Amino acid sequence: MRKIISSTYISLDGVIDKPHLWSMQYFNDEAARFANDQLFSCDALIMGRRTYDAFAQAWPSMEESAGEFGVRMNTMPKYAVSTTLEKADWKNTTVISDDVVARVTALKEEPGQDILQYGFGDLSRTLVEHGLLDELRLWIHPVIVGTGDPAEMLTKDGFGTKLELAGTEVFSTGVIIATYRPTAAAEQGEGA
C-alpha cells in the first residue's frame, strides 16, 4: 500500500503560514537534494484548497527555472481536496470534493509510489484522524517568526495525536527535518 507523506515547513514558534517569508534563507543544496529525493520518491501529490491555489498559480510558470523538479510538479497526478473548487486548471489535477476518506483510501490502495502532501491543514488533520497519514516530515527552521494567525499554526483546538520519531536529517543551515509516524494508539483513534 502506498504511503501518504506530509511535508511542511515550521518555525520554532509553530508557524506554518507563509513559509516563503521566513524560510528561503535556509534553503541550500542539502535542502534541495532532500526535497528532490522526496518528490521523486512519490508519484502523486495531494493537497487542500489553499495549497492547491498557491501551487497552481506558481508552478506552471516555474517549470523552466526549477528544472526537473518543476517538470515533475507540473506533470505528476495531483489531487485537490476541496468542497468549493469546481474546476482545476493545473495540469493532471483531479478534484476530490466528497467522500474524502473513501477516495483517499482508494488512492492509497492503487499501485505506485508514495503520495506527497505539502503543508499541514484541515486535509492533514482529516488524514490523521482516519489513520491515512503515514509520515509527517517537519522541516524545523531555526527562526522565531513572532507573528502568525492562530488558524495557521500546526495545531488546532481539539486536534491531537501521538507520534513516534522515525528519523532526522540535519542541515548545515540549522534546519532539522524530523520525520514522525503515527503510533499504534493514534492509528486506533486514540488522541494525545
C-alpha atoms as a PDB file:
ATOM      1  CA  MET A   1       0.000   0.000   0.000  1.00  0.00           C
ATOM      2  CA  ARG A   2       1.208   3.480  -0.824  1.00  0.00           C
ATOM      3  CA  LYS A   3       2.076   5.866   1.978  1.00  0.00           C
ATOM      4  CA  ILE A   4       0.925   9.446   2.339  1.00  0.00           C
ATOM      5  CA  ILE A   5       3.770  11.690   3.451  1.00  0.00           C
ATOM      6  CA  SER A   6       3.054  15.206   4.685  1.00  0.00           C
ATOM      7  CA  SER A   7       5.990  17.589   4.379  1.00  0.00           C
ATOM      8  CA  THR A   8       5.724  21.008   5.967  1.00  0.00           C
ATOM      9  CA  TYR A   9       7.932  23.901   6.960  1.00  0.00           C
ATOM     10  CA  ILE A  10       7.576  25.076  10.546  1.00  0.00           C
ATOM     11  CA  SER A  11       9.242  27.766  12.646  1.00  0.00           C
ATOM     12  CA  LEU A  12      10.383  27.250  16.226  1.00  0.00           C
ATOM     13  CA  ASP A  13       7.231  29.022  17.410  1.00  0.00           C
ATOM     14  CA  GLY A  14       4.938  26.717  15.436  1.00  0.00           C
ATOM     15  CA  VAL A  15       4.177  28.973  12.471  1.00  0.00           C
ATOM     16  CA  ILE A  16       3.499  27.177   9.186  1.00  0.00           C
ATOM     17  CA  ASP A  17       1.841  30.070   7.356  1.00  0.00           C
ATOM     18  CA  LYS A  18       3.641  31.904   4.541  1.00  0.00           C
ATOM     19  CA  PRO A  19       6.922  29.986   4.776  1.00  0.00           C
ATOM     20  CA  HIS A  20       8.265  31.847   1.739  1.00  0.00           C
ATOM     21  CA  LEU A  21       8.604  34.898   4.009  1.00  0.00           C
ATOM     22  CA  TRP A  22      10.839  33.231   6.605  1.00  0.00           C
ATOM     23  CA  SER A  23      12.347  30.010   5.231  1.00  0.00           C
ATOM     24  CA  MET A  24      14.109  30.846   1.975  1.00  0.00           C
ATOM     25  CA  GLN A  25      17.411  31.889   3.566  1.00  0.00           C
ATOM     26  CA  TYR A  26      17.696  28.332   4.930  1.00  0.00           C
ATOM     27  CA  PHE A  27      17.158  26.570   1.600  1.00  0.00           C
ATOM     28  CA  ASN A  28      20.566  25.360   0.428  1.00  0.00           C
ATOM     29  CA  ASP A  29      21.934  22.496  -1.685  1.00  0.00           C
ATOM     30  CA  GLU A  30      21.302  19.983   1.115  1.00  0.00           C
ATOM     31  CA  ALA A  31      17.661  21.019   1.363  1.00  0.00           C
ATOM     32  CA  ALA A  32      17.304  20.990  -2.422  1.00  0.00           C
ATOM     33  CA  ARG A  33      18.650  17.427  -2.617  1.00  0.00           C
ATOM     34  CA  PHE A  34      16.302  16.257   0.137  1.00  0.00           C
ATOM     35  CA  ALA A  35      13.315  17.986  -1.480  1.00  0.00           C
ATOM     36  CA  ASN A  36      14.224  16.499  -4.859  1.00  0.00           C
ATOM     37  CA  ASP A  37      14.605  12.971  -3.463  1.00  0.00           C
ATOM     38  CA  GLN A  38      11.333  13.359  -1.574  1.00  0.00           C
ATOM     39  CA  LEU A  39       9.408  14.498  -4.653  1.00  0.00           C
ATOM     40  CA  PHE A  40      10.854  11.830  -6.928  1.00  0.00           C
ATOM     41  CA  SER A  41      10.092   9.057  -4.414  1.00  0.00           C
ATOM     42  CA  CYS A  42       6.405   9.888  -4.896  1.00  0.00           C
ATOM     43  CA  ASP A  43       4.252   9.770  -7.985  1.00  0.00           C
ATOM     44  CA  ALA A  44       1.267  11.853  -6.884  1.00  0.00           C
ATOM     45  CA  LEU A  45       0.514  14.976  -4.867  1.00  0.00           C
ATOM     46  CA  ILE A  46      -2.481  15.528  -2.610  1.00  0.00           C
ATOM     47  CA  MET A  47      -3.320  18.953  -1.246  1.00  0.00           C
ATOM     48  CA  GLY A  48      -6.015  21.063   0.283  1.00  0.00           C
ATOM     49  CA  ARG A  49      -7.596  24.022  -1.456  1.00  0.00           C
ATOM     50  CA  ARG A  50      -5.241  26.751  -0.213  1.00  0.00           C
ATOM     51  CA  THR A  51      -2.115  24.821  -1.135  1.00  0.00           C
ATOM     52  CA  TYR A  52      -3.649  23.964  -4.496  1.00  0.00           C
ATOM     53  CA  ASP A  53      -4.427  27.628  -5.189  1.00  0.00           C
ATOM     54  CA  ALA A  54      -0.882  28.729  -4.332  1.00  0.00           C
ATOM     55  CA  PHE A  55       0.844  25.920  -6.219  1.00  0.00           C
ATOM     56  CA  ALA A  56      -1.417  26.108  -9.293  1.00  0.00           C
ATOM     57  CA  GLN A  57      -0.609  29.787  -9.562  1.00  0.00           C
ATOM     58  CA  ALA A  58       3.152  29.401  -9.077  1.00  0.00           C
ATOM     59  CA  TRP A  59       4.381  26.119 -10.536  1.00  0.00           C
ATOM     60  CA  PRO A  60       3.270  26.308 -14.179  1.00  0.00           C
ATOM     61  CA  SER A  61       5.429  29.406 -14.686  1.00  0.00           C
ATOM     62  CA  MET A  62       8.375  27.947 -12.738  1.00  0.00           C
ATOM     63  CA  GLU A  63       8.921  24.833 -14.823  1.00  0.00           C
ATOM     64  CA  GLU A  64      11.860  26.241 -16.760  1.00  0.00           C
ATOM     65  CA  SER A  65      13.614  27.821 -13.771  1.00  0.00           C
ATOM     66  CA  ALA A  66      13.037  24.815 -11.475  1.00  0.00           C
ATOM     67  CA  GLY A  67      14.250  22.235 -13.998  1.00  0.00           C
ATOM     68  CA  GLU A  68      13.318  18.592 -13.490  1.00  0.00           C
ATOM     69  CA  PHE A  69      11.688  19.417 -10.139  1.00  0.00           C
ATOM     70  CA  GLY A  70       9.341  21.866 -11.861  1.00  0.00           C
ATOM     71  CA  VAL A  71       8.581  19.422 -14.656  1.00  0.00           C
ATOM     72  CA  ARG A  72       7.751  16.745 -12.081  1.00  0.00           C
ATOM     73  CA  MET A  73       5.496  19.104 -10.108  1.00  0.00           C
ATOM     74  CA  ASN A  74       3.580  20.048 -13.232  1.00  0.00           C
ATOM     75  CA  THR A  75       3.249  16.617 -14.831  1.00  0.00           C
ATOM     76  CA  MET A  76       2.581  14.234 -11.955  1.00  0.00           C
ATOM     77  CA  PRO A  77      -1.016  13.407 -10.954  1.00  0.00           C
ATOM     78  CA  LYS A  78      -2.407  15.821  -8.383  1.00  0.00           C
ATOM     79  CA  TYR A  79      -5.448  15.579  -6.131  1.00  0.00           C
ATOM     80  CA  ALA A  80      -7.005  18.750  -4.739  1.00  0.00           C
ATOM     81  CA  VAL A  81      -9.346  18.116  -1.820  1.00  0.00           C
ATOM     82  CA  SER A  82     -11.965  20.852  -1.689  1.00  0.00           C
ATOM     83  CA  THR A  83     -15.696  21.333  -1.358  1.00  0.00           C
ATOM     84  CA  THR A  84     -15.514  24.706  -3.129  1.00  0.00           C
ATOM     85  CA  LEU A  85     -13.138  24.108  -6.038  1.00  0.00           C
ATOM     86  CA  GLU A  86     -15.234  23.224  -9.067  1.00  0.00           C
ATOM     87  CA  LYS A  87     -12.604  23.060 -11.770  1.00  0.00           C
ATOM     88  CA  ALA A  88      -8.872  22.500 -11.557  1.00  0.00           C
ATOM     89  CA  ASP A  89      -6.843  24.345 -14.166  1.00  0.00           C
ATOM     90  CA  TRP A  90      -3.448  22.914 -13.191  1.00  0.00           C
ATOM     91  CA  LYS A  91      -2.477  20.044 -15.484  1.00  0.00           C
ATOM     92  CA  ASN A  92      -3.249  16.496 -14.241  1.00  0.00           C
ATOM     93  CA  THR A  93      -5.325  17.639 -11.257  1.00  0.00           C
ATOM     94  CA  THR A  94      -8.386  15.772 -10.025  1.00  0.00           C
ATOM     95  CA  VAL A  95     -10.716  17.474  -7.558  1.00  0.00           C
ATOM     96  CA  ILE A  96     -11.917  15.368  -4.630  1.00  0.00           C
ATOM     97  CA  SER A  97     -14.993  17.107  -3.265  1.00  0.00           C
ATOM     98  CA  ASP A  98     -16.827  14.342  -1.436  1.00  0.00           C
ATOM     99  CA  ASP A  99     -16.200  11.005   0.275  1.00  0.00           C
ATOM    100  CA  VAL A 100     -12.667  12.209   1.060  1.00  0.00           C
ATOM    101  CA  VAL A 101     -11.778   9.330   3.378  1.00  0.00           C
ATOM    102  CA  ALA A 102     -13.024   6.666   0.959  1.00  0.00           C
ATOM    103  CA  ARG A 103     -11.405   8.329  -2.063  1.00  0.00           C
ATOM    104  CA  VAL A 104      -8.053   8.780  -0.334  1.00  0.00           C
ATOM    105  CA  THR A 105      -8.169   5.205   0.962  1.00  0.00           C
ATOM    106  CA  ALA A 106      -8.728   4.036  -2.620  1.00  0.00           C
ATOM    107  CA  LEU A 107      -5.780   6.161  -3.816  1.00  0.00           C
ATOM    108  CA  LYS A 108      -3.521   4.554  -1.227  1.00  0.00           C
ATOM    109  CA  GLU A 109      -4.573   1.105  -2.432  1.00  0.00           C
ATOM    110  CA  GLU A 110      -3.652   1.851  -6.053  1.00  0.00           C
ATOM    111  CA  PRO A 111      -0.281   0.594  -7.259  1.00  0.00           C
ATOM    112  CA  GLY A 112       2.524   3.106  -7.457  1.00  0.00           C
ATOM    113  CA  GLN A 113       4.925   5.170  -5.418  1.00  0.00           C
ATOM    114  CA  ASP A 114       4.003   7.135  -2.326  1.00  0.00           C
ATOM    115  CA  ILE A 115       1.754  10.222  -2.277  1.00  0.00           C
ATOM    116  CA  LEU A 116       3.192  13.553  -1.130  1.00  0.00           C
ATOM    117  CA  GLN A 117       1.321  16.317   0.641  1.00  0.00           C
ATOM    118  CA  TYR A 118       2.868  19.740   1.167  1.00  0.00           C
ATOM    119  CA  GLY A 119       1.708  21.803   4.133  1.00  0.00           C
ATOM    120  CA  PHE A 120      -0.452  20.887   7.106  1.00  0.00           C
ATOM    121  CA  GLY A 121      -4.063  21.956   7.403  1.00  0.00           C
ATOM    122  CA  ASP A 122      -7.587  20.615   7.523  1.00  0.00           C
ATOM    123  CA  LEU A 123      -6.823  17.871   4.997  1.00  0.00           C
ATOM    124  CA  SER A 124      -3.850  16.714   7.070  1.00  0.00           C
ATOM    125  CA  ARG A 125      -5.942  16.607  10.212  1.00  0.00           C
ATOM    126  CA  THR A 126      -8.595  14.544   8.411  1.00  0.00           C
ATOM    127  CA  LEU A 127      -5.914  12.142   7.197  1.00  0.00           C
ATOM    128  CA  VAL A 128      -4.503  11.791  10.721  1.00  0.00           C
ATOM    129  CA  GLU A 129      -7.937  11.324  12.308  1.00  0.00           C
ATOM    130  CA  HIS A 130      -8.729   8.485   9.892  1.00  0.00           C
ATOM    131  CA  GLY A 131      -5.350   6.750  10.035  1.00  0.00           C
ATOM    132  CA  LEU A 132      -4.438   7.728   6.476  1.00  0.00           C
ATOM    133  CA  LEU A 133      -1.321   9.839   7.125  1.00  0.00           C
ATOM    134  CA  ASP A 134       1.735   7.608   7.311  1.00  0.00           C
ATOM    135  CA  GLU A 135       4.529  10.135   7.857  1.00  0.00           C
ATOM    136  CA  LEU A 136       4.797  13.737   8.968  1.00  0.00           C
ATOM    137  CA  ARG A 137       8.041  15.436   7.941  1.00  0.00           C
ATOM    138  CA  LEU A 138       8.541  18.697   9.779  1.00  0.00           C
ATOM    139  CA  TRP A 139      11.195  20.978   8.306  1.00  0.00           C
ATOM    140  CA  ILE A 140      12.020  22.783  11.556  1.00  0.00           C
ATOM    141  CA  HIS A 141      13.619  26.147  10.808  1.00  0.00           C
ATOM    142  CA  PRO A 142      15.835  27.972  13.316  1.00  0.00           C
ATOM    143  CA  VAL A 143      13.684  31.069  13.334  1.00  0.00           C
ATOM    144  CA  ILE A 144      11.051  32.518  15.638  1.00  0.00           C
ATOM    145  CA  VAL A 145       8.589  34.273  13.352  1.00  0.00           C
ATOM    146  CA  GLY A 146       6.850  36.073  16.201  1.00  0.00           C
ATOM    147  CA  THR A 147       3.551  36.530  14.390  1.00  0.00           C
ATOM    148  CA  GLY A 148       1.007  34.245  12.889  1.00  0.00           C
ATOM    149  CA  ASP A 149      -2.673  33.625  12.573  1.00  0.00           C
ATOM    150  CA  PRO A 150      -3.646  31.011  15.193  1.00  0.00           C
ATOM    151  CA  ALA A 151      -5.632  29.281  12.442  1.00  0.00           C
ATOM    152  CA  GLU A 152      -2.370  28.865  10.531  1.00  0.00           C
ATOM    153  CA  MET A 153      -0.457  27.033  13.230  1.00  0.00           C
ATOM    154  CA  LEU A 154       0.323  23.320  13.166  1.00  0.00           C
ATOM    155  CA  THR A 155      -2.128  22.609  15.975  1.00  0.00           C
ATOM    156  CA  LYS A 156      -5.782  23.446  16.449  1.00  0.00           C
ATOM    157  CA  ASP A 157      -8.000  23.158  19.489  1.00  0.00           C
ATOM    158  CA  GLY A 158      -9.460  19.684  19.699  1.00  0.00           C
ATOM    159  CA  PHE A 159      -6.834  18.080  17.459  1.00  0.00           C
ATOM    160  CA  GLY A 160      -4.164  15.839  18.875  1.00  0.00           C
ATOM    161  CA  THR A 161      -2.385  12.614  18.069  1.00  0.00           C
ATOM    162  CA  LYS A 162       0.575  10.572  19.243  1.00  0.00           C
ATOM    163  CA  LEU A 163       3.609  10.270  17.004  1.00  0.00           C
ATOM    164  CA  GLU A 164       6.923   8.472  17.184  1.00  0.00           C
ATOM    165  CA  LEU A 165      10.197   9.707  15.769  1.00  0.00           C
ATOM    166  CA  ALA A 166      11.200   7.764  12.656  1.00  0.00           C
ATOM    167  CA  GLY A 167      14.271   9.735  11.608  1.00  0.00           C
ATOM    168  CA  THR A 168      16.068  13.053  11.404  1.00  0.00           C
ATOM    169  CA  GLU A 169      18.141  14.989   8.900  1.00  0.00           C
ATOM    170  CA  VAL A 170      20.183  17.983   9.999  1.00  0.00           C
ATOM    171  CA  PHE A 171      21.381  20.575   7.506  1.00  0.00           C
ATOM    172  CA  SER A 172      24.289  22.982   7.899  1.00  0.00           C
ATOM    173  CA  THR A 173      21.795  25.891   7.977  1.00  0.00           C
ATOM    174  CA  GLY A 174      20.326  24.569  11.225  1.00  0.00           C
ATOM    175  CA  VAL A 175      17.190  23.173   9.593  1.00  0.00           C
ATOM    176  CA  ILE A 176      16.185  19.839  11.085  1.00  0.00           C
ATOM    177  CA  ILE A 177      13.822  17.525   9.260  1.00  0.00           C
ATOM    178  CA  ALA A 178      12.096  15.402  11.869  1.00  0.00           C
ATOM    179  CA  THR A 179      10.114  12.510  10.429  1.00  0.00           C
ATOM    180  CA  TYR A 180       7.316  11.186  12.604  1.00  0.00           C
ATOM    181  CA  ARG A 181       4.880   8.311  12.213  1.00  0.00           C
ATOM    182  CA  PRO A 182       1.566   7.855  13.991  1.00  0.00           C
ATOM    183  CA  THR A 183       1.838   5.419  16.893  1.00  0.00           C
ATOM    184  CA  ALA A 184      -0.345   2.341  17.164  1.00  0.00           C
ATOM    185  CA  ALA A 185      -2.535   4.254  19.642  1.00  0.00           C
ATOM    186  CA  ALA A 186      -3.022   7.059  17.122  1.00  0.00           C
ATOM    187  CA  GLU A 187      -3.924   4.594  14.384  1.00  0.00           C
ATOM    188  CA  GLN A 188      -6.617   3.181  16.671  1.00  0.00           C
ATOM    189  CA  GLY A 189      -8.141   6.626  17.048  1.00  0.00           C
ATOM    190  CA  GLU A 190      -6.710   7.482  20.459  1.00  0.00           C
ATOM    191  CA  GLY A 191      -5.689  11.149  20.604  1.00  0.00           C
ATOM    192  CA  ALA A 192      -2.830  12.704  22.506  1.00  0.00           C
END
